[in-house]
Amino acid sequence: MKNTDRTFFEGLYGKSSIDFVNGLVYVHPFGVIGKENNNNVKPHIHNNQFQIFIIIEGSTMLLHNDERIPVAAPSFITIPKNTEHGFEHLTEMKGWIISLSDAVLEHMIKRETEAVIAIETFQLTAVTKDDFSETVFNSMLECVTEYQQENLGKLLMLESIIGKIIVQLSRIPKSTPLRIFNKDNSSIIYFRRFSQLIRESRTYKKTIEQYAADLNITPGHLNRICSIVAQQHPKEVITDFFINESKFLLSDIEKSINEIGYDIGFEDPSYFSRIFKKKTGFTPNEFRKTIGIKS
């Protein structure tokens, strides 16, 4: 948990880490954490995961920005990273929490702008029989089932199902009754655009001043936006993206570590290695060994 004015957890509520399967997904029963905390999960934030709460039975209060929003089964809630949320359970709850690694998820869908927007939208959706919302709900349950089993090709199947869920979320008809939060929050809108510009830039060398100019704001304004939304300096946001990108590139055995660093804009190989180790705890070479690639 980070020591800030707001409560952050790198894992689920109360946990400092999370064991994503294939670095992508973790599934946990919904309601268990509430029972462990007298049915009161205080508002908190995750800065490393997109969460889907599947509510099969029961009723609860969703806590957000000092609001208490009633939630009844069947329904699902999607919560982007850096979004405050909590729960006060009113009854026995049955359901699931699907936590998806934000870094891996963005890499999967980075070429699909509408899909990216889907993982940046905080929404509550009531599930209606024979409606598209039921289709999405069933896909989420399919993900839970696949996660719990040890079938051949499990990881590939999970990636496929998760990709389907994200696309379905982006296709939910606009007429469907949704409660969408933060859609008018200018800081979040700017932060989303900043994140998109980072993905599009393809290089670590682009400066904060250049990003700010693209957004038609000052560097100081961009700094305040990142502080409000992510509790980070803009350079940290940029660095986190490219270090996560480099993890994928390091799985390519045809490229040297130096080449990978150059490809993403690190002109000094030793600087790339220092930053990589600071962020991951491993040198690039050590990281390759952890994923089974020898020098």
C-alpha atoms as a PDB file:
ATOM      1  CA  MET A   1       0.000   0.000   0.000  1.00  0.00           C
ATOM      2  CA  LYS A   2       1.299   3.443  -0.918  1.00  0.00           C
ATOM      3  CA  ASN A   3       1.573   6.103   1.707  1.00  0.00           C
ATOM      4  CA  THR A   4      -0.587   8.880   0.218  1.00  0.00           C
ATOM      5  CA  ASP A   5      -3.671  10.813   1.265  1.00  0.00           C
ATOM      6  CA  ARG A   6      -5.765   8.211  -0.523  1.00  0.00           C
ATOM      7  CA  THR A   7      -5.562   4.496   0.162  1.00  0.00           C
ATOM      8  CA  PHE A   8      -3.792   2.469  -2.533  1.00  0.00           C
ATOM      9  CA  PHE A   9      -3.381  -1.286  -2.797  1.00  0.00           C
ATOM     10  CA  GLU A  10      -1.175  -3.057  -5.356  1.00  0.00           C
ATOM     11  CA  GLY A  11      -3.230  -6.212  -4.772  1.00  0.00           C
ATOM     12  CA  LEU A  12      -6.856  -6.660  -3.753  1.00  0.00           C
ATOM     13  CA  TYR A  13      -8.198  -4.680  -0.790  1.00  0.00           C
ATOM     14  CA  GLY A  14      -5.691  -4.915   2.074  1.00  0.00           C
ATOM     15  CA  LYS A  15      -3.055  -6.709  -0.033  1.00  0.00           C
ATOM     16  CA  SER A  16       0.302  -5.425  -1.274  1.00  0.00           C
ATOM     17  CA  SER A  17       0.562  -7.738  -4.303  1.00  0.00           C
ATOM     18  CA  ILE A  18      -1.482  -9.833  -6.697  1.00  0.00           C
ATOM     19  CA  ASP A  19      -0.625 -13.070  -8.501  1.00  0.00           C
ATOM     20  CA  PHE A  20      -1.930 -12.513 -12.028  1.00  0.00           C
ATOM     21  CA  VAL A  21      -2.140 -15.704 -14.124  1.00  0.00           C
ATOM     22  CA  ASN A  22       0.181 -15.215 -17.107  1.00  0.00           C
ATOM     23  CA  GLY A  23       0.666 -11.671 -15.814  1.00  0.00           C
ATOM     24  CA  LEU A  24      -2.884 -10.885 -16.949  1.00  0.00           C
ATOM     25  CA  VAL A  25      -5.795 -12.045 -14.768  1.00  0.00           C
ATOM     26  CA  TYR A  26      -6.722 -12.897 -11.196  1.00  0.00           C
ATOM     27  CA  VAL A  27     -10.184 -14.045 -10.055  1.00  0.00           C
ATOM     28  CA  HIS A  28     -11.465 -13.869  -6.469  1.00  0.00           C
ATOM     29  CA  PRO A  29     -14.928 -14.490  -4.957  1.00  0.00           C
ATOM     30  CA  PHE A  30     -16.865 -11.269  -4.385  1.00  0.00           C
ATOM     31  CA  GLY A  31     -18.106 -10.919  -0.818  1.00  0.00           C
ATOM     32  CA  VAL A  32     -15.230 -12.710   0.925  1.00  0.00           C
ATOM     33  CA  ILE A  33     -13.227  -9.518   1.477  1.00  0.00           C
ATOM     34  CA  GLY A  34     -16.372  -7.857   2.795  1.00  0.00           C
ATOM     35  CA  LYS A  35     -16.906 -10.651   5.327  1.00  0.00           C
ATOM     36  CA  GLU A  36     -13.315 -10.237   6.485  1.00  0.00           C
ATOM     37  CA  ASN A  37     -13.958  -6.518   7.077  1.00  0.00           C
ATOM     38  CA  ASN A  38     -17.421  -6.520   8.711  1.00  0.00           C
ATOM     39  CA  ASN A  39     -19.077  -5.984   5.294  1.00  0.00           C
ATOM     40  CA  ASN A  40     -17.338  -2.617   4.964  1.00  0.00           C
ATOM     41  CA  VAL A  41     -14.684  -2.318   2.255  1.00  0.00           C
ATOM     42  CA  LYS A  42     -13.491   1.247   2.642  1.00  0.00           C
ATOM     43  CA  PRO A  43     -12.882   3.427  -0.458  1.00  0.00           C
ATOM     44  CA  HIS A  44      -9.519   2.639  -1.998  1.00  0.00           C
ATOM     45  CA  ILE A  45      -7.648   2.733  -5.302  1.00  0.00           C
ATOM     46  CA  HIS A  46      -5.584   0.350  -7.445  1.00  0.00           C
ATOM     47  CA  ASN A  47      -3.092   1.903  -9.853  1.00  0.00           C
ATOM     48  CA  ASN A  48      -2.182  -1.332 -11.614  1.00  0.00           C
ATOM     49  CA  GLN A  49      -5.417  -3.106 -12.530  1.00  0.00           C
ATOM     50  CA  PHE A  50      -8.783  -2.850 -14.247  1.00  0.00           C
ATOM     51  CA  GLN A  51     -11.456  -4.594 -12.197  1.00  0.00           C
ATOM     52  CA  ILE A  52     -14.786  -6.181 -13.063  1.00  0.00           C
ATOM     53  CA  PHE A  53     -17.188  -6.952 -10.210  1.00  0.00           C
ATOM     54  CA  ILE A  54     -19.746  -9.616 -11.164  1.00  0.00           C
ATOM     55  CA  ILE A  55     -22.725  -9.564  -8.793  1.00  0.00           C
ATOM     56  CA  ILE A  56     -24.765 -12.775  -9.010  1.00  0.00           C
ATOM     57  CA  GLU A  57     -26.763 -12.570  -5.779  1.00  0.00           C
ATOM     58  CA  GLY A  58     -27.254  -9.963  -3.052  1.00  0.00           C
ATOM     59  CA  SER A  59     -27.259  -6.195  -2.709  1.00  0.00           C
ATOM     60  CA  THR A  60     -24.587  -3.713  -1.727  1.00  0.00           C
ATOM     61  CA  MET A  61     -23.738  -0.030  -1.678  1.00  0.00           C
ATOM     62  CA  LEU A  62     -21.018   1.104  -4.059  1.00  0.00           C
ATOM     63  CA  LEU A  63     -18.960   3.870  -2.439  1.00  0.00           C
ATOM     64  CA  HIS A  64     -17.496   6.534  -4.704  1.00  0.00           C
ATOM     65  CA  ASN A  65     -16.662  10.210  -4.134  1.00  0.00           C
ATOM     66  CA  ASP A  66     -18.735  10.328  -0.938  1.00  0.00           C
ATOM     67  CA  GLU A  67     -21.726   8.799  -2.763  1.00  0.00           C
ATOM     68  CA  ARG A  68     -23.508   5.578  -1.795  1.00  0.00           C
ATOM     69  CA  ILE A  69     -24.962   3.989  -4.928  1.00  0.00           C
ATOM     70  CA  PRO A  70     -27.350   1.008  -4.521  1.00  0.00           C
ATOM     71  CA  VAL A  71     -26.330  -2.099  -6.479  1.00  0.00           C
ATOM     72  CA  ALA A  72     -28.520  -5.186  -6.826  1.00  0.00           C
ATOM     73  CA  ALA A  73     -27.929  -8.523  -8.541  1.00  0.00           C
ATOM     74  CA  PRO A  74     -27.590  -9.395 -11.313  1.00  0.00           C
ATOM     75  CA  SER A  75     -25.233  -6.647 -12.414  1.00  0.00           C
ATOM     76  CA  PHE A  76     -21.609  -5.856 -13.100  1.00  0.00           C
ATOM     77  CA  ILE A  77     -19.333  -2.929 -12.346  1.00  0.00           C
ATOM     78  CA  THR A  78     -16.211  -1.972 -14.277  1.00  0.00           C
ATOM     79  CA  ILE A  79     -13.593   0.044 -12.406  1.00  0.00           C
ATOM     80  CA  PRO A  80     -10.509   1.479 -14.164  1.00  0.00           C
ATOM     81  CA  LYS A  81      -7.176   1.925 -12.418  1.00  0.00           C
ATOM     82  CA  ASN A  82      -6.798   5.059 -10.264  1.00  0.00           C
ATOM     83  CA  THR A  83     -10.543   5.084  -9.539  1.00  0.00           C
ATOM     84  CA  GLU A  84     -11.704   5.217  -5.934  1.00  0.00           C
ATOM     85  CA  HIS A  85     -14.283   2.616  -4.909  1.00  0.00           C
ATOM     86  CA  GLY A  86     -15.522   0.714  -1.881  1.00  0.00           C
ATOM     87  CA  PHE A  87     -18.524  -1.330  -0.739  1.00  0.00           C
ATOM     88  CA  GLU A  88     -20.965  -1.673   2.136  1.00  0.00           C
ATOM     89  CA  HIS A  89     -22.648  -5.045   1.737  1.00  0.00           C
ATOM     90  CA  LEU A  90     -26.316  -5.100   2.766  1.00  0.00           C
ATOM     91  CA  THR A  91     -26.824  -8.848   2.340  1.00  0.00           C
ATOM     92  CA  GLU A  92     -24.836 -12.013   1.740  1.00  0.00           C
ATOM     93  CA  MET A  93     -23.017 -11.476  -1.554  1.00  0.00           C
ATOM     94  CA  LYS A  94     -22.318 -13.986  -4.305  1.00  0.00           C
ATOM     95  CA  GLY A  95     -20.189 -13.126  -7.307  1.00  0.00           C
ATOM     96  CA  TRP A  96     -16.662 -12.645  -8.565  1.00  0.00           C
ATOM     97  CA  ILE A  97     -13.931 -10.040  -8.894  1.00  0.00           C
ATOM     98  CA  ILE A  98     -11.960 -10.251 -12.136  1.00  0.00           C
ATOM     99  CA  SER A  99      -8.756  -8.238 -11.820  1.00  0.00           C
ATOM    100  CA  LEU A 100      -6.867  -7.569 -15.045  1.00  0.00           C
ATOM    101  CA  SER A 101      -3.299  -6.265 -15.201  1.00  0.00           C
ATOM    102  CA  ASP A 102      -3.582  -2.770 -16.640  1.00  0.00           C
ATOM    103  CA  ALA A 103      -0.181  -2.927 -18.343  1.00  0.00           C
ATOM    104  CA  VAL A 104      -0.800  -6.260 -20.093  1.00  0.00           C
ATOM    105  CA  LEU A 105      -4.369  -5.331 -20.977  1.00  0.00           C
ATOM    106  CA  GLU A 106      -3.329  -2.072 -22.641  1.00  0.00           C
ATOM    107  CA  HIS A 107      -0.686  -3.947 -24.626  1.00  0.00           C
ATOM    108  CA  MET A 108      -3.325  -6.412 -25.856  1.00  0.00           C
ATOM    109  CA  ILE A 109      -5.711  -3.731 -27.105  1.00  0.00           C
ATOM    110  CA  LYS A 110      -3.505  -0.714 -27.819  1.00  0.00           C
ATOM    111  CA  ARG A 111      -4.529  -0.552 -31.482  1.00  0.00           C
ATOM    112  CA  GLU A 112      -8.237  -0.487 -30.664  1.00  0.00           C
ATOM    113  CA  THR A 113      -9.053   3.020 -29.437  1.00  0.00           C
ATOM    114  CA  GLU A 114     -12.668   2.233 -28.530  1.00  0.00           C
ATOM    115  CA  ALA A 115     -11.556  -0.799 -26.550  1.00  0.00           C
ATOM    116  CA  VAL A 116      -9.067   1.340 -24.623  1.00  0.00           C
ATOM    117  CA  ILE A 117     -11.915   3.674 -23.701  1.00  0.00           C
ATOM    118  CA  ALA A 118     -13.851   0.648 -22.380  1.00  0.00           C
ATOM    119  CA  ILE A 119     -11.165  -0.043 -19.756  1.00  0.00           C
ATOM    120  CA  GLU A 120     -11.131   3.619 -18.753  1.00  0.00           C
ATOM    121  CA  THR A 121     -14.883   3.814 -18.046  1.00  0.00           C
ATOM    122  CA  PHE A 122     -16.294   3.430 -14.542  1.00  0.00           C
ATOM    123  CA  GLN A 123     -19.813   2.088 -14.933  1.00  0.00           C
ATOM    124  CA  LEU A 124     -22.533   0.088 -13.269  1.00  0.00           C
ATOM    125  CA  THR A 125     -24.670  -2.079 -15.555  1.00  0.00           C
ATOM    126  CA  ALA A 126     -27.834  -3.903 -14.521  1.00  0.00           C
ATOM    127  CA  VAL A 127     -28.189  -7.241 -16.302  1.00  0.00           C
ATOM    128  CA  THR A 128     -31.479  -7.753 -18.146  1.00  0.00           C
ATOM    129  CA  LYS A 129     -32.613 -11.129 -19.484  1.00  0.00           C
ATOM    130  CA  ASP A 130     -32.241 -11.543 -23.272  1.00  0.00           C
ATOM    131  CA  ASP A 131     -30.419  -8.201 -23.450  1.00  0.00           C
ATOM    132  CA  PHE A 132     -26.856  -7.539 -24.647  1.00  0.00           C
ATOM    133  CA  SER A 133     -25.941  -6.920 -21.007  1.00  0.00           C
ATOM    134  CA  GLU A 134     -26.709 -10.618 -20.361  1.00  0.00           C
ATOM    135  CA  THR A 135     -24.334 -11.591 -23.180  1.00  0.00           C
ATOM    136  CA  VAL A 136     -21.526  -9.587 -21.587  1.00  0.00           C
ATOM    137  CA  PHE A 137     -22.373 -11.005 -18.149  1.00  0.00           C
ATOM    138  CA  ASN A 138     -22.181 -14.572 -19.484  1.00  0.00           C
ATOM    139  CA  SER A 139     -18.784 -13.874 -21.074  1.00  0.00           C
ATOM    140  CA  MET A 140     -17.536 -12.718 -17.679  1.00  0.00           C
ATOM    141  CA  LEU A 141     -18.794 -15.936 -16.084  1.00  0.00           C
ATOM    142  CA  GLU A 142     -17.076 -17.894 -18.887  1.00  0.00           C
ATOM    143  CA  CYS A 143     -13.816 -16.179 -17.909  1.00  0.00           C
ATOM    144  CA  VAL A 144     -14.268 -17.233 -14.280  1.00  0.00           C
ATOM    145  CA  THR A 145     -14.956 -20.851 -15.291  1.00  0.00           C
ATOM    146  CA  GLU A 146     -11.885 -21.028 -17.539  1.00  0.00           C
ATOM    147  CA  TYR A 147      -9.729 -19.475 -14.807  1.00  0.00           C
ATOM    148  CA  GLN A 148     -10.808 -22.125 -12.297  1.00  0.00           C
ATOM    149  CA  GLN A 149     -10.052 -25.088 -14.571  1.00  0.00           C
ATOM    150  CA  GLU A 150      -6.754 -26.512 -15.782  1.00  0.00           C
ATOM    151  CA  ASN A 151      -7.605 -27.220 -19.407  1.00  0.00           C
ATOM    152  CA  LEU A 152      -5.182 -27.469 -22.309  1.00  0.00           C
ATOM    153  CA  GLY A 153      -4.478 -24.011 -23.714  1.00  0.00           C
ATOM    154  CA  LYS A 154      -5.876 -22.253 -20.628  1.00  0.00           C
ATOM    155  CA  LEU A 155      -3.776 -19.089 -20.969  1.00  0.00           C
ATOM    156  CA  LEU A 156      -4.577 -18.622 -24.642  1.00  0.00           C
ATOM    157  CA  MET A 157      -8.257 -19.193 -23.949  1.00  0.00           C
ATOM    158  CA  LEU A 158      -8.238 -16.664 -21.095  1.00  0.00           C
ATOM    159  CA  GLU A 159      -6.646 -14.051 -23.350  1.00  0.00           C
ATOM    160  CA  SER A 160      -9.297 -14.739 -25.980  1.00  0.00           C
ATOM    161  CA  ILE A 161     -12.205 -14.486 -23.519  1.00  0.00           C
ATOM    162  CA  ILE A 162     -10.831 -11.314 -21.925  1.00  0.00           C
ATOM    163  CA  GLY A 163     -10.366  -9.729 -25.332  1.00  0.00           C
ATOM    164  CA  LYS A 164     -13.988 -10.610 -26.115  1.00  0.00           C
ATOM    165  CA  ILE A 165     -15.203  -9.056 -22.856  1.00  0.00           C
ATOM    166  CA  ILE A 166     -13.384  -5.776 -23.503  1.00  0.00           C
ATOM    167  CA  VAL A 167     -14.794  -5.556 -27.026  1.00  0.00           C
ATOM    168  CA  GLN A 168     -18.281  -6.329 -25.713  1.00  0.00           C
ATOM    169  CA  LEU A 169     -17.962  -3.603 -23.086  1.00  0.00           C
ATOM    170  CA  SER A 170     -17.134  -1.127 -25.847  1.00  0.00           C
ATOM    171  CA  ARG A 171     -20.211  -2.310 -27.809  1.00  0.00           C
ATOM    172  CA  ILE A 172     -22.798  -1.905 -25.053  1.00  0.00           C
ATOM    173  CA  PRO A 173     -25.552   0.148 -26.701  1.00  0.00           C
ATOM    174  CA  LYS A 174     -25.641   3.783 -25.694  1.00  0.00           C
ATOM    175  CA  SER A 175     -29.344   3.373 -24.902  1.00  0.00           C
ATOM    176  CA  THR A 176     -28.610   0.779 -22.205  1.00  0.00           C
ATOM    177  CA  PRO A 177     -29.213   2.298 -18.740  1.00  0.00           C
ATOM    178  CA  LEU A 178     -25.751   2.869 -17.342  1.00  0.00           C
ATOM    179  CA  ARG A 179     -24.370   4.921 -14.544  1.00  0.00           C
ATOM    180  CA  ILE A 180     -21.092   6.308 -15.870  1.00  0.00           C
ATOM    181  CA  PHE A 181     -18.861   8.160 -13.469  1.00  0.00           C
ATOM    182  CA  ASN A 182     -16.198  10.813 -14.047  1.00  0.00           C
ATOM    183  CA  LYS A 183     -17.173  11.332 -17.674  1.00  0.00           C
ATOM    184  CA  ASP A 184     -17.182  15.118 -17.191  1.00  0.00           C
ATOM    185  CA  ASN A 185     -14.056  15.258 -15.064  1.00  0.00           C
ATOM    186  CA  SER A 186     -11.589  17.333 -17.079  1.00  0.00           C
ATOM    187  CA  SER A 187      -8.520  15.962 -15.292  1.00  0.00           C
ATOM    188  CA  ILE A 188      -9.452  12.388 -16.178  1.00  0.00           C
ATOM    189  CA  ILE A 189     -10.202  13.351 -19.780  1.00  0.00           C
ATOM    190  CA  TYR A 190      -6.789  15.008 -20.095  1.00  0.00           C
ATOM    191  CA  PHE A 191      -5.088  12.056 -18.411  1.00  0.00           C
ATOM    192  CA  ARG A 192      -6.731   9.610 -20.829  1.00  0.00           C
ATOM    193  CA  ARG A 193      -5.536  11.682 -23.767  1.00  0.00           C
ATOM    194  CA  PHE A 194      -2.041  11.903 -22.275  1.00  0.00           C
ATOM    195  CA  SER A 195      -1.974   8.094 -21.891  1.00  0.00           C
ATOM    196  CA  GLN A 196      -3.108   7.712 -25.496  1.00  0.00           C
ATOM    197  CA  LEU A 197      -0.375  10.090 -26.713  1.00  0.00           C
ATOM    198  CA  ILE A 198       2.228   8.026 -24.840  1.00  0.00           C
ATOM    199  CA  ARG A 199       1.004   4.872 -26.588  1.00  0.00           C
ATOM    200  CA  GLU A 200       1.119   6.628 -29.956  1.00  0.00           C
ATOM    201  CA  SER A 201       4.545   8.212 -29.474  1.00  0.00           C
ATOM    202  CA  ARG A 202       6.470   4.913 -29.494  1.00  0.00           C
ATOM    203  CA  THR A 203       9.510   6.627 -27.940  1.00  0.00           C
ATOM    204  CA  TYR A 204      10.690   7.452 -24.443  1.00  0.00           C
ATOM    205  CA  LYS A 205      12.519  10.500 -25.807  1.00  0.00           C
ATOM    206  CA  LYS A 206       9.393  12.627 -26.214  1.00  0.00           C
ATOM    207  CA  THR A 207       9.451  15.322 -23.534  1.00  0.00           C
ATOM    208  CA  ILE A 208       6.815  16.433 -21.054  1.00  0.00           C
ATOM    209  CA  GLU A 209       6.837  19.825 -22.767  1.00  0.00           C
ATOM    210  CA  GLN A 210       6.002  18.186 -26.101  1.00  0.00           C
ATOM    211  CA  TYR A 211       3.145  16.196 -24.571  1.00  0.00           C
ATOM    212  CA  ALA A 212       1.787  19.317 -22.883  1.00  0.00           C
ATOM    213  CA  ALA A 213       1.932  21.210 -26.196  1.00  0.00           C
ATOM    214  CA  ASP A 214      -0.003  18.387 -27.894  1.00  0.00           C
ATOM    215  CA  LEU A 215      -2.651  18.714 -25.177  1.00  0.00           C
ATOM    216  CA  ASN A 216      -2.668  22.535 -25.448  1.00  0.00           C
ATOM    217  CA  ILE A 217      -1.865  22.895 -21.758  1.00  0.00           C
ATOM    218  CA  THR A 218       1.241  23.910 -19.801  1.00  0.00           C
ATOM    219  CA  PRO A 219       3.707  21.375 -18.360  1.00  0.00           C
ATOM    220  CA  GLY A 220       2.655  22.548 -14.896  1.00  0.00           C
ATOM    221  CA  HIS A 221      -0.984  21.814 -15.694  1.00  0.00           C
ATOM    222  CA  LEU A 222      -0.035  18.335 -16.947  1.00  0.00           C
ATOM    223  CA  ASN A 223       1.890  17.763 -13.724  1.00  0.00           C
ATOM    224  CA  ARG A 224      -1.175  18.687 -11.648  1.00  0.00           C
ATOM    225  CA  ILE A 225      -3.402  16.388 -13.743  1.00  0.00           C
ATOM    226  CA  CYS A 226      -1.103  13.392 -13.237  1.00  0.00           C
ATOM    227  CA  SER A 227      -0.831  14.171  -9.535  1.00  0.00           C
ATOM    228  CA  ILE A 228      -4.639  14.318  -9.139  1.00  0.00           C
ATOM    229  CA  VAL A 229      -5.464  11.227 -11.222  1.00  0.00           C
ATOM    230  CA  ALA A 230      -2.484   8.926 -10.695  1.00  0.00           C
ATOM    231  CA  GLN A 231      -0.480  10.468  -7.825  1.00  0.00           C
ATOM    232  CA  GLN A 232       2.534  10.424 -10.145  1.00  0.00           C
ATOM    233  CA  HIS A 233       4.728  12.901 -11.994  1.00  0.00           C
ATOM    234  CA  PRO A 234       4.189  12.802 -15.796  1.00  0.00           C
ATOM    235  CA  LYS A 235       7.682  11.349 -16.261  1.00  0.00           C
ATOM    236  CA  GLU A 236       6.783   8.434 -13.993  1.00  0.00           C
ATOM    237  CA  VAL A 237       3.677   7.727 -16.090  1.00  0.00           C
ATOM    238  CA  ILE A 238       5.795   7.771 -19.254  1.00  0.00           C
ATOM    239  CA  THR A 239       8.519   5.605 -17.725  1.00  0.00           C
ATOM    240  CA  ASP A 240       6.046   3.027 -16.410  1.00  0.00           C
ATOM    241  CA  PHE A 241       4.526   2.643 -19.872  1.00  0.00           C
ATOM    242  CA  PHE A 242       7.841   2.103 -21.662  1.00  0.00           C
ATOM    243  CA  ILE A 243       9.262  -0.233 -19.024  1.00  0.00           C
ATOM    244  CA  ASN A 244       6.107  -2.357 -19.330  1.00  0.00           C
ATOM    245  CA  GLU A 245       6.473  -2.198 -23.123  1.00  0.00           C
ATOM    246  CA  SER A 246      10.085  -3.344 -22.847  1.00  0.00           C
ATOM    247  CA  LYS A 247       8.993  -6.440 -20.889  1.00  0.00           C
ATOM    248  CA  PHE A 248       7.121  -7.650 -23.964  1.00  0.00           C
ATOM    249  CA  LEU A 249       9.988  -6.788 -26.275  1.00  0.00           C
ATOM    250  CA  LEU A 250      12.457  -8.694 -24.090  1.00  0.00           C
ATOM    251  CA  SER A 251      10.600 -11.908 -24.944  1.00  0.00           C
ATOM    252  CA  ASP A 252      11.918 -11.527 -28.519  1.00  0.00           C
ATOM    253  CA  ILE A 253      15.093 -13.618 -28.516  1.00  0.00           C
ATOM    254  CA  GLU A 254      16.173 -12.189 -31.862  1.00  0.00           C
ATOM    255  CA  LYS A 255      16.855  -8.751 -30.391  1.00  0.00           C
ATOM    256  CA  SER A 256      19.610  -7.749 -28.000  1.00  0.00           C
ATOM    257  CA  ILE A 257      18.838  -5.792 -24.847  1.00  0.00           C
ATOM    258  CA  ASN A 258      20.603  -2.753 -26.285  1.00  0.00           C
ATOM    259  CA  GLU A 259      18.503  -2.913 -29.459  1.00  0.00           C
ATOM    260  CA  ILE A 260      15.302  -3.059 -27.416  1.00  0.00           C
ATOM    261  CA  GLY A 261      16.379  -0.041 -25.384  1.00  0.00           C
ATOM    262  CA  TYR A 262      17.132   1.908 -28.578  1.00  0.00           C
ATOM    263  CA  ASP A 263      13.794   0.873 -30.120  1.00  0.00           C
ATOM    264  CA  ILE A 264      11.816   2.517 -27.326  1.00  0.00           C
ATOM    265  CA  GLY A 265      13.991   5.621 -27.084  1.00  0.00           C
ATOM    266  CA  PHE A 266      16.671   4.869 -24.497  1.00  0.00           C
ATOM    267  CA  GLU A 267      19.897   5.978 -26.158  1.00  0.00           C
ATOM    268  CA  ASP A 268      22.090   4.963 -23.214  1.00  0.00           C
ATOM    269  CA  PRO A 269      21.931   1.176 -22.577  1.00  0.00           C
ATOM    270  CA  SER A 270      23.210   1.524 -19.011  1.00  0.00           C
ATOM    271  CA  TYR A 271      20.514   4.102 -18.224  1.00  0.00           C
ATOM    272  CA  PHE A 272      17.867   1.758 -19.648  1.00  0.00           C
ATOM    273  CA  SER A 273      19.167  -1.062 -17.423  1.00  0.00           C
ATOM    274  CA  ARG A 274      19.174   1.167 -14.325  1.00  0.00           C
ATOM    275  CA  ILE A 275      15.618   2.381 -14.905  1.00  0.00           C
ATOM    276  CA  PHE A 276      14.403  -1.140 -15.706  1.00  0.00           C
ATOM    277  CA  LYS A 277      15.891  -2.510 -12.483  1.00  0.00           C
ATOM    278  CA  LYS A 278      14.505   0.376 -10.433  1.00  0.00           C
ATOM    279  CA  LYS A 279      10.990  -0.354 -11.740  1.00  0.00           C
ATOM    280  CA  THR A 280      11.056  -4.163 -11.797  1.00  0.00           C
ATOM    281  CA  GLY A 281      13.742  -5.266  -9.351  1.00  0.00           C
ATOM    282  CA  PHE A 282      15.603  -7.054 -12.168  1.00  0.00           C
ATOM    283  CA  THR A 283      18.130  -6.056 -14.786  1.00  0.00           C
ATOM    284  CA  PRO A 284      16.862  -6.704 -18.335  1.00  0.00           C
ATOM    285  CA  ASN A 285      19.118  -9.757 -18.526  1.00  0.00           C
ATOM    286  CA  GLU A 286      17.840 -11.096 -15.189  1.00  0.00           C
ATOM    287  CA  PHE A 287      14.267 -10.503 -16.340  1.00  0.00           C
ATOM    288  CA  ARG A 288      14.899 -12.536 -19.484  1.00  0.00           C
ATOM    289  CA  LYS A 289      16.089 -15.422 -17.346  1.00  0.00           C
ATOM    290  CA  THR A 290      12.879 -15.291 -15.271  1.00  0.00           C
ATOM    291  CA  ILE A 291      10.843 -15.836 -18.473  1.00  0.00           C
ATOM    292  CA  GLY A 292      13.108 -18.651 -19.665  1.00  0.00           C
ATOM    293  CA  ILE A 293      15.291 -16.800 -22.162  1.00  0.00           C
ATOM    294  CA  LYS A 294      19.038 -17.301 -21.942  1.00  0.00           C
ATOM    295  CA  SER A 295      21.538 -14.710 -23.128  1.00  0.00           C
END
